[in-house]
Amino acid sequence: MKLGQIAGILLALSLCMVTGCQSSATKIAIEKLKTIDEIVDGEIEKGNFPGAVVLVGRDEKILYRRAFGNQMITPRKEAMNEQTVFDIASLTKPIATAASIMILRDRGRIKLSDYVHQYLPAFACEGKEDATIKHLLTHTSGLPAYTSASNLAEQFGSPCPDKVIEKICSLKAREKPGREFRYSCLGYITLAKIVETVSAKRINQFAAENIFEPLKMERTAFKPRESWRDNIAATEVVKGQPLRGTVHDPLARLMDEISGNAGVFSTADDLAIFCRMLLNKGTYNGARILDPKSVRLLTTVLSHGRACGFDVESGYSWIKGANAPEGTFCHSGYTGTSIVCDPASKIYIIILTNRAHPDDKGTVKPVRTKVADIAFEILKETE
């Protein structure tokens, strides 16, 4: 082989290292994933939601990312873009609250077998005495799903975070802890209070310092900055004004928008970083966020189809579609957001929509299942 040929090969290899060479299978997957365009455009045309950002990745590669439609349609139209910030609603539960609990576990500050009343003594009443942190994480504590935010606001004004916690602690368990699965926002509000009790930091500060900032999730926060507001997807119109940068969930608003059940705002790219961290057993770009055991606890079945944060096999796991491999974990948010991750293939699917805008009547079930089905089928074909 001539010296010039060797130099050419070395140059090609070095360019490949810098830019990242794509296999033919990856190129096929990227091309086929473009069929997602038609799916999402069709759902917008049907009026199911005003806009969306969809991202599909595999390990460190983003295979598909596109913005669709509008981030707001009333009182005026504003186009969606790939960096639009969304109220991610209940994705707050695994991404901020459960992950924070696991960090405290990794540091030996708590055990998942600890009773809730060790941190909130008032919780030990009405059949909740035996509820543990694990029960809260897996939605098996016996707590009701929700409580009336309007009644609390009428009694105590808004915000009234201490009164929300008092109310939760006073509630009667629906059944003995551990016996049944009931998806409960109240359990995750309680978990955030435990984070605060143990760390002396509210969940917004703890999550920022220990998750979002180390991961460089620069557009992820509770109570987003005013400078972000013009690029935040609107949710429901309330009293003639769209919620934009104000959390949609009523109880989270009573918690001064810093709550364990909802309140985080984020982007598709930032959520992709979080997914990659989980799929890399708790590390990302050299930053260790979680111990590998904590990642397993967050993402593998422990009780009634639920992990300690994510869903795997419960009735809520339909969002991962029919083609998802066994062990795929997921979570959704009321505002029209969802994450699906397969640990084996390291595939992740992020769908962010503003389905609650403007009248809280939108639907995202078709787009979630269709996008997941096509992504997993295509990526399976091109392995």
Protein backbone atom coordinates (compact mmCIF):
# COMPACT_ATOMS: atom_id res chain seq x y z
CA MET A 1 0.00 0.00 0.00
CA LYS A 2 1.37 3.40 -0.98
CA LEU A 3 2.07 6.11 1.57
CA GLY A 4 -0.62 8.33 0.04
CA GLN A 5 -3.23 5.59 0.37
CA ILE A 6 -2.31 5.04 4.01
CA ALA A 7 -2.56 8.76 4.66
CA GLY A 8 -6.00 8.82 3.02
CA ILE A 9 -7.25 5.96 5.18
CA LEU A 10 -5.88 7.61 8.33
CA LEU A 11 -7.58 10.88 7.36
CA ALA A 12 -10.89 9.10 6.79
CA LEU A 13 -10.61 7.33 10.13
CA SER A 14 -9.81 10.56 11.94
CA LEU A 15 -12.80 12.29 10.32
CA CYS A 16 -14.96 9.37 11.32
CA MET A 17 -13.80 9.74 14.93
CA VAL A 18 -14.54 13.46 14.93
CA THR A 19 -17.89 13.47 13.11
CA GLY A 20 -19.16 10.02 14.01
CA CYS A 21 -19.63 7.47 11.22
CA GLN A 22 -23.09 6.06 10.81
CA SER A 23 -23.60 2.41 9.97
CA SER A 24 -25.83 1.56 7.02
CA ALA A 25 -28.38 0.19 9.51
CA THR A 26 -28.41 3.51 11.35
CA LYS A 27 -28.87 5.41 8.10
CA ILE A 28 -31.81 3.16 7.20
CA ALA A 29 -33.36 3.72 10.63
CA ILE A 30 -32.98 7.49 10.33
CA GLU A 31 -34.62 7.47 6.91
CA LYS A 32 -37.51 5.26 8.00
CA LEU A 33 -38.10 7.27 11.17
CA LYS A 34 -39.13 10.15 8.93
CA THR A 35 -42.50 8.40 8.64
CA ILE A 36 -43.16 9.83 12.12
CA ASP A 37 -43.68 13.17 10.36
CA GLU A 38 -46.92 11.99 8.79
CA ILE A 39 -48.19 10.55 12.08
CA VAL A 40 -47.66 13.72 14.09
CA ASP A 41 -48.84 16.06 11.34
CA GLY A 42 -52.00 13.96 11.05
CA GLU A 43 -52.74 14.21 14.77
CA ILE A 44 -52.30 17.98 14.68
CA GLU A 45 -54.62 18.24 11.68
CA LYS A 46 -57.25 16.31 13.64
CA GLY A 47 -57.01 18.94 16.38
CA ASN A 48 -55.66 16.51 18.99
CA PHE A 49 -52.95 18.96 20.06
CA PRO A 50 -51.52 22.22 18.68
CA GLY A 51 -47.89 21.15 18.46
CA ALA A 52 -45.15 18.75 19.50
CA VAL A 53 -41.47 18.01 19.67
CA VAL A 54 -40.54 14.36 19.06
CA LEU A 55 -37.08 12.90 19.64
CA VAL A 56 -35.85 9.35 19.12
CA GLY A 57 -32.35 8.37 20.14
CA ARG A 58 -30.16 5.35 20.57
CA ASP A 59 -27.33 5.52 23.08
CA GLU A 60 -25.42 8.73 22.27
CA LYS A 61 -26.98 9.25 18.82
CA ILE A 62 -30.05 11.36 18.18
CA LEU A 63 -31.69 9.56 15.25
CA TYR A 64 -34.75 11.76 14.89
CA ARG A 65 -35.72 15.18 16.24
CA ARG A 66 -38.42 17.47 14.88
CA ALA A 67 -40.77 20.22 16.00
CA PHE A 68 -44.34 20.37 14.73
CA GLY A 69 -47.19 22.85 14.78
CA ASN A 70 -47.50 25.64 17.34
CA GLN A 71 -46.46 26.13 20.93
CA MET A 72 -49.43 28.45 21.37
CA ILE A 73 -52.56 29.12 19.32
CA THR A 74 -54.43 31.59 21.52
CA PRO A 75 -54.42 34.54 21.97
CA ARG A 76 -52.01 34.30 19.01
CA LYS A 77 -50.16 31.64 17.07
CA GLU A 78 -46.49 30.97 17.80
CA ALA A 79 -44.56 28.23 16.02
CA MET A 80 -43.06 25.30 17.88
CA ASN A 81 -39.29 24.81 17.72
CA GLU A 82 -36.94 22.05 18.83
CA GLN A 83 -35.86 24.02 21.90
CA THR A 84 -39.38 24.81 23.14
CA VAL A 85 -39.72 24.35 26.90
CA PHE A 86 -42.66 22.24 28.12
CA ASP A 87 -44.51 21.82 31.39
CA ILE A 88 -43.65 18.11 31.70
CA ALA A 89 -46.26 17.52 34.44
CA SER A 90 -45.94 14.03 35.99
CA LEU A 91 -42.58 13.36 34.36
CA THR A 92 -41.51 15.40 37.39
CA LYS A 93 -42.19 12.28 39.49
CA PRO A 94 -39.35 10.07 38.18
CA ILE A 95 -37.02 12.79 36.88
CA ALA A 96 -36.91 15.03 39.94
CA THR A 97 -38.62 13.39 42.90
CA ALA A 98 -37.82 9.68 42.64
CA ALA A 99 -34.30 10.41 41.40
CA SER A 100 -33.72 12.73 44.38
CA ILE A 101 -34.93 10.06 46.78
CA MET A 102 -32.50 7.60 45.19
CA ILE A 103 -29.62 10.04 45.56
CA LEU A 104 -30.37 10.31 49.28
CA ARG A 105 -30.50 6.51 49.39
CA ASP A 106 -27.11 6.29 47.66
CA ARG A 107 -25.67 8.62 50.30
CA GLY A 108 -27.06 6.57 53.17
CA ARG A 109 -29.41 9.30 54.30
CA ILE A 110 -32.56 7.18 53.90
CA LYS A 111 -33.66 3.61 53.24
CA LEU A 112 -36.56 2.68 51.01
CA SER A 113 -37.83 0.50 53.86
CA ASP A 114 -38.06 3.49 56.21
CA TYR A 115 -41.54 4.34 57.40
CA VAL A 116 -42.91 7.62 56.11
CA HIS A 117 -43.74 8.71 59.67
CA GLN A 118 -40.01 8.65 60.55
CA TYR A 119 -39.78 11.86 58.51
CA LEU A 120 -43.37 13.12 58.79
CA PRO A 121 -44.73 12.03 62.19
CA ALA A 122 -48.24 13.31 61.39
CA PHE A 123 -48.46 10.71 58.60
CA ALA A 124 -48.84 7.90 61.17
CA CYS A 125 -52.62 7.83 61.33
CA GLU A 126 -55.74 6.53 59.57
CA GLY A 127 -54.18 3.24 58.46
CA LYS A 128 -51.00 4.76 57.02
CA GLU A 129 -48.74 3.81 59.93
CA ASP A 130 -46.97 1.03 58.00
CA ALA A 131 -46.47 2.97 54.76
CA THR A 132 -42.84 3.12 53.65
CA ILE A 133 -40.89 5.25 51.21
CA LYS A 134 -40.96 2.30 48.79
CA HIS A 135 -44.76 2.25 49.00
CA LEU A 136 -44.88 5.93 48.04
CA LEU A 137 -42.49 5.40 45.13
CA THR A 138 -44.48 2.47 43.71
CA HIS A 139 -47.92 4.06 44.32
CA THR A 140 -48.90 1.34 46.80
CA SER A 141 -49.10 3.43 49.99
CA GLY A 142 -52.88 3.34 50.22
CA LEU A 143 -53.14 7.08 49.65
CA PRO A 144 -55.93 8.44 47.43
CA ALA A 145 -54.96 9.56 43.94
CA TYR A 146 -55.59 13.26 44.55
CA THR A 147 -57.40 15.75 46.78
CA SER A 148 -59.39 18.88 46.04
CA ALA A 149 -57.08 21.82 45.33
CA SER A 150 -60.02 24.22 45.07
CA ASN A 151 -61.23 23.37 48.58
CA LEU A 152 -57.77 23.95 50.03
CA ALA A 153 -57.37 27.21 48.14
CA GLU A 154 -60.76 28.39 49.36
CA GLN A 155 -59.85 27.59 52.97
CA PHE A 156 -56.24 28.75 53.09
CA GLY A 157 -55.50 30.78 49.96
CA SER A 158 -52.85 30.00 47.38
CA PRO A 159 -50.09 29.00 47.69
CA CYS A 160 -50.42 27.01 50.92
CA PRO A 161 -47.78 24.25 50.81
CA ASP A 162 -47.86 23.45 54.53
CA LYS A 163 -51.63 23.00 54.43
CA VAL A 164 -51.34 20.61 51.49
CA ILE A 165 -48.92 18.45 53.47
CA GLU A 166 -51.17 18.60 56.54
CA LYS A 167 -54.11 17.49 54.41
CA ILE A 168 -52.22 14.54 52.94
CA CYS A 169 -51.01 13.42 56.36
CA SER A 170 -54.58 13.50 57.71
CA LEU A 171 -56.10 11.37 54.93
CA LYS A 172 -57.36 7.88 55.54
CA ALA A 173 -55.66 5.03 53.71
CA ARG A 174 -57.90 3.39 51.12
CA GLU A 175 -56.36 0.02 51.93
CA LYS A 176 -53.38 -1.45 53.77
CA PRO A 177 -50.05 -0.23 52.33
CA GLY A 178 -48.63 -2.61 49.75
CA ARG A 179 -51.93 -4.25 48.91
CA GLU A 180 -53.00 -2.32 45.80
CA PHE A 181 -51.57 -0.02 43.14
CA ARG A 182 -53.22 3.39 42.89
CA TYR A 183 -51.41 6.09 40.95
CA SER A 184 -51.14 8.93 43.48
CA CYS A 185 -49.94 12.48 43.09
CA LEU A 186 -50.25 12.77 46.87
CA GLY A 187 -47.58 10.13 47.41
CA TYR A 188 -45.07 12.07 45.33
CA ILE A 189 -45.88 15.36 47.03
CA THR A 190 -45.08 13.52 50.26
CA LEU A 191 -41.80 12.20 48.83
CA ALA A 192 -40.69 15.73 47.94
CA LYS A 193 -41.40 16.77 51.51
CA ILE A 194 -39.20 13.90 52.72
CA VAL A 195 -36.39 15.17 50.46
CA GLU A 196 -36.80 18.59 52.08
CA THR A 197 -36.88 17.15 55.60
CA VAL A 198 -33.70 15.12 55.08
CA SER A 199 -31.67 17.57 52.99
CA ALA A 200 -33.01 20.90 54.30
CA LYS A 201 -33.56 21.85 50.64
CA ARG A 202 -36.81 22.02 48.72
CA ILE A 203 -37.10 19.64 45.81
CA ASN A 204 -36.38 22.37 43.22
CA GLN A 205 -33.02 23.23 44.79
CA PHE A 206 -32.02 19.64 45.54
CA ALA A 207 -32.86 18.42 42.04
CA ALA A 208 -31.09 21.36 40.42
CA GLU A 209 -27.89 20.88 42.41
CA ASN A 210 -27.75 17.10 42.22
CA ILE A 211 -29.38 16.22 38.87
CA PHE A 212 -30.03 19.04 36.42
CA GLU A 213 -26.82 21.05 36.87
CA PRO A 214 -24.37 18.10 36.90
CA LEU A 215 -26.05 16.78 33.74
CA LYS A 216 -25.99 20.25 32.16
CA MET A 217 -29.74 20.14 31.61
CA GLU A 218 -29.69 23.88 31.12
CA ARG A 219 -33.35 24.28 30.19
CA THR A 220 -34.80 22.20 33.02
CA ALA A 221 -36.16 23.73 36.23
CA PHE A 222 -39.08 24.30 38.52
CA LYS A 223 -40.52 27.83 38.19
CA PRO A 224 -38.74 28.62 34.90
CA ARG A 225 -37.00 31.94 34.45
CA GLU A 226 -38.87 34.86 33.00
CA SER A 227 -36.36 34.92 30.12
CA TRP A 228 -37.62 31.48 29.01
CA ARG A 229 -41.26 32.48 28.92
CA ASP A 230 -41.50 33.41 25.24
CA ASN A 231 -40.34 29.91 24.29
CA ILE A 232 -42.56 27.89 26.65
CA ALA A 233 -45.43 25.85 25.24
CA ALA A 234 -48.73 27.13 26.60
CA THR A 235 -51.13 24.86 28.45
CA GLU A 236 -54.73 25.52 29.48
CA VAL A 237 -56.31 28.96 29.19
CA VAL A 238 -57.35 30.04 32.71
CA LYS A 239 -59.34 33.23 33.28
CA GLY A 240 -58.68 34.26 29.69
CA GLN A 241 -54.91 33.79 29.85
CA PRO A 242 -52.89 30.73 28.78
CA LEU A 243 -50.69 29.19 31.42
CA ARG A 244 -47.18 29.72 30.13
CA GLY A 245 -44.42 29.09 32.62
CA THR A 246 -46.97 28.51 35.36
CA VAL A 247 -47.47 24.86 36.26
CA HIS A 248 -50.75 23.37 35.03
CA ASP A 249 -51.39 21.00 37.97
CA PRO A 250 -53.65 22.65 40.61
CA LEU A 251 -52.02 21.03 43.64
CA ALA A 252 -48.57 21.95 42.35
CA ARG A 253 -49.73 25.56 42.16
CA LEU A 254 -50.79 25.33 45.82
CA MET A 255 -47.29 24.03 46.57
CA ASP A 256 -45.93 27.34 45.21
CA GLU A 257 -45.14 25.48 41.95
CA ILE A 258 -42.46 23.41 43.73
CA SER A 259 -44.02 19.99 44.09
CA GLY A 260 -43.11 16.34 43.90
CA ASN A 261 -45.94 15.40 41.55
CA ALA A 262 -45.52 18.14 38.90
CA GLY A 263 -43.75 21.43 38.32
CA VAL A 264 -40.66 20.70 36.23
CA PHE A 265 -40.28 22.40 32.84
CA SER A 266 -37.86 20.92 30.31
CA THR A 267 -36.95 20.36 26.65
CA ALA A 268 -36.63 17.24 24.52
CA ASP A 269 -32.84 17.58 24.38
CA ASP A 270 -32.52 17.87 28.16
CA LEU A 271 -34.78 14.87 28.72
CA ALA A 272 -32.63 12.92 26.23
CA ILE A 273 -29.65 13.60 28.49
CA PHE A 274 -31.56 12.22 31.48
CA CYS A 275 -32.51 9.12 29.48
CA ARG A 276 -28.91 8.54 28.43
CA MET A 277 -27.80 8.83 32.05
CA LEU A 278 -30.26 6.11 33.10
CA LEU A 279 -29.36 3.87 30.15
CA ASN A 280 -25.67 4.30 31.03
CA LYS A 281 -26.28 3.00 34.58
CA GLY A 282 -26.31 6.38 36.26
CA THR A 283 -23.52 8.31 34.56
CA TYR A 284 -23.32 10.86 31.75
CA ASN A 285 -20.23 12.59 30.38
CA GLY A 286 -18.24 11.48 33.39
CA ALA A 287 -20.79 12.71 35.95
CA ARG A 288 -22.10 10.02 38.31
CA ILE A 289 -25.67 10.90 39.27
CA LEU A 290 -26.98 7.57 40.55
CA ASP A 291 -25.56 4.29 41.72
CA PRO A 292 -26.33 1.44 39.26
CA LYS A 293 -28.49 -0.25 41.90
CA SER A 294 -30.59 2.91 42.22
CA VAL A 295 -31.03 2.99 38.45
CA ARG A 296 -32.33 -0.58 38.60
CA LEU A 297 -34.71 0.34 41.40
CA LEU A 298 -35.99 3.31 39.39
CA THR A 299 -36.54 1.32 36.21
CA THR A 300 -37.33 -2.35 36.97
CA VAL A 301 -40.51 -3.89 38.37
CA LEU A 302 -40.81 -4.07 42.14
CA SER A 303 -44.54 -4.02 42.84
CA HIS A 304 -47.75 -4.17 40.78
CA GLY A 305 -45.87 -3.53 37.54
CA ARG A 306 -44.19 -0.41 38.86
CA ALA A 307 -40.58 0.46 39.57
CA CYS A 308 -39.55 3.05 42.16
CA GLY A 309 -40.30 5.91 39.80
CA PHE A 310 -41.01 4.59 36.32
CA ASP A 311 -43.72 2.31 34.99
CA VAL A 312 -42.86 -1.04 33.42
CA GLU A 313 -45.91 -3.30 33.32
CA SER A 314 -48.87 -1.56 34.97
CA GLY A 315 -52.01 -0.49 33.15
CA TYR A 316 -50.34 2.85 32.46
CA SER A 317 -47.52 1.27 30.44
CA TRP A 318 -49.56 1.20 27.20
CA ILE A 319 -47.65 4.31 26.15
CA LYS A 320 -44.67 2.19 25.12
CA GLY A 321 -46.71 0.54 22.34
CA ALA A 322 -47.01 -3.03 21.15
CA ASN A 323 -43.45 -3.50 19.84
CA ALA A 324 -41.51 -2.46 22.95
CA PRO A 325 -39.10 -5.13 24.22
CA GLU A 326 -39.59 -6.67 27.66
CA GLY A 327 -38.11 -4.45 30.35
CA THR A 328 -38.87 -1.18 28.56
CA PHE A 329 -39.76 1.49 31.13
CA CYS A 330 -41.83 4.62 30.64
CA HIS A 331 -43.76 7.50 32.18
CA SER A 332 -46.23 10.08 30.95
CA GLY A 333 -47.42 13.53 31.96
CA TYR A 334 -50.94 14.96 31.98
CA THR A 335 -50.04 17.89 29.75
CA GLY A 336 -49.17 15.51 26.89
CA THR A 337 -45.59 14.47 27.60
CA SER A 338 -43.95 11.05 27.74
CA ILE A 339 -40.67 9.14 27.90
CA VAL A 340 -40.06 5.53 26.81
CA CYS A 341 -36.67 3.79 27.27
CA ASP A 342 -35.44 0.29 26.42
CA PRO A 343 -32.35 -0.64 28.49
CA ALA A 344 -31.32 -3.49 26.18
CA SER A 345 -31.11 -1.51 22.94
CA LYS A 346 -30.61 1.89 24.64
CA ILE A 347 -33.43 3.32 22.55
CA TYR A 348 -35.37 6.27 24.00
CA ILE A 349 -38.46 8.03 22.68
CA ILE A 350 -39.47 11.47 23.93
CA ILE A 351 -42.80 12.99 22.93
CA LEU A 352 -43.65 16.47 24.19
CA THR A 353 -47.00 17.99 23.25
CA ASN A 354 -49.14 20.85 24.53
CA ARG A 355 -52.36 18.81 24.40
CA ALA A 356 -53.90 20.79 27.31
CA HIS A 357 -53.81 23.99 25.24
CA PRO A 358 -56.15 25.76 25.00
CA ASP A 359 -59.13 23.96 26.59
CA ASP A 360 -57.70 20.78 28.17
CA LYS A 361 -59.54 18.62 25.62
CA GLY A 362 -56.67 17.31 23.51
CA THR A 363 -55.60 13.69 23.31
CA VAL A 364 -52.20 12.07 22.82
CA LYS A 365 -52.91 8.35 23.09
CA PRO A 366 -52.76 7.72 19.31
CA VAL A 367 -49.50 9.60 18.78
CA ARG A 368 -47.80 7.92 21.74
CA THR A 369 -48.55 4.39 20.62
CA LYS A 370 -48.02 5.01 16.90
CA VAL A 371 -44.64 6.68 17.36
CA ALA A 372 -43.45 4.02 19.81
CA ASP A 373 -44.60 1.21 17.52
CA ILE A 374 -42.86 2.59 14.49
CA ALA A 375 -39.65 3.45 16.34
CA PHE A 376 -39.25 0.04 17.95
CA GLU A 377 -40.23 -1.84 14.77
CA ILE A 378 -37.81 0.11 12.57
CA LEU A 379 -34.95 -0.10 15.01
CA LYS A 380 -35.55 -3.82 15.46
CA GLU A 381 -35.40 -4.33 11.69
CA THR A 382 -32.11 -2.44 11.41
CA GLU A 383 -30.20 -4.03 14.30
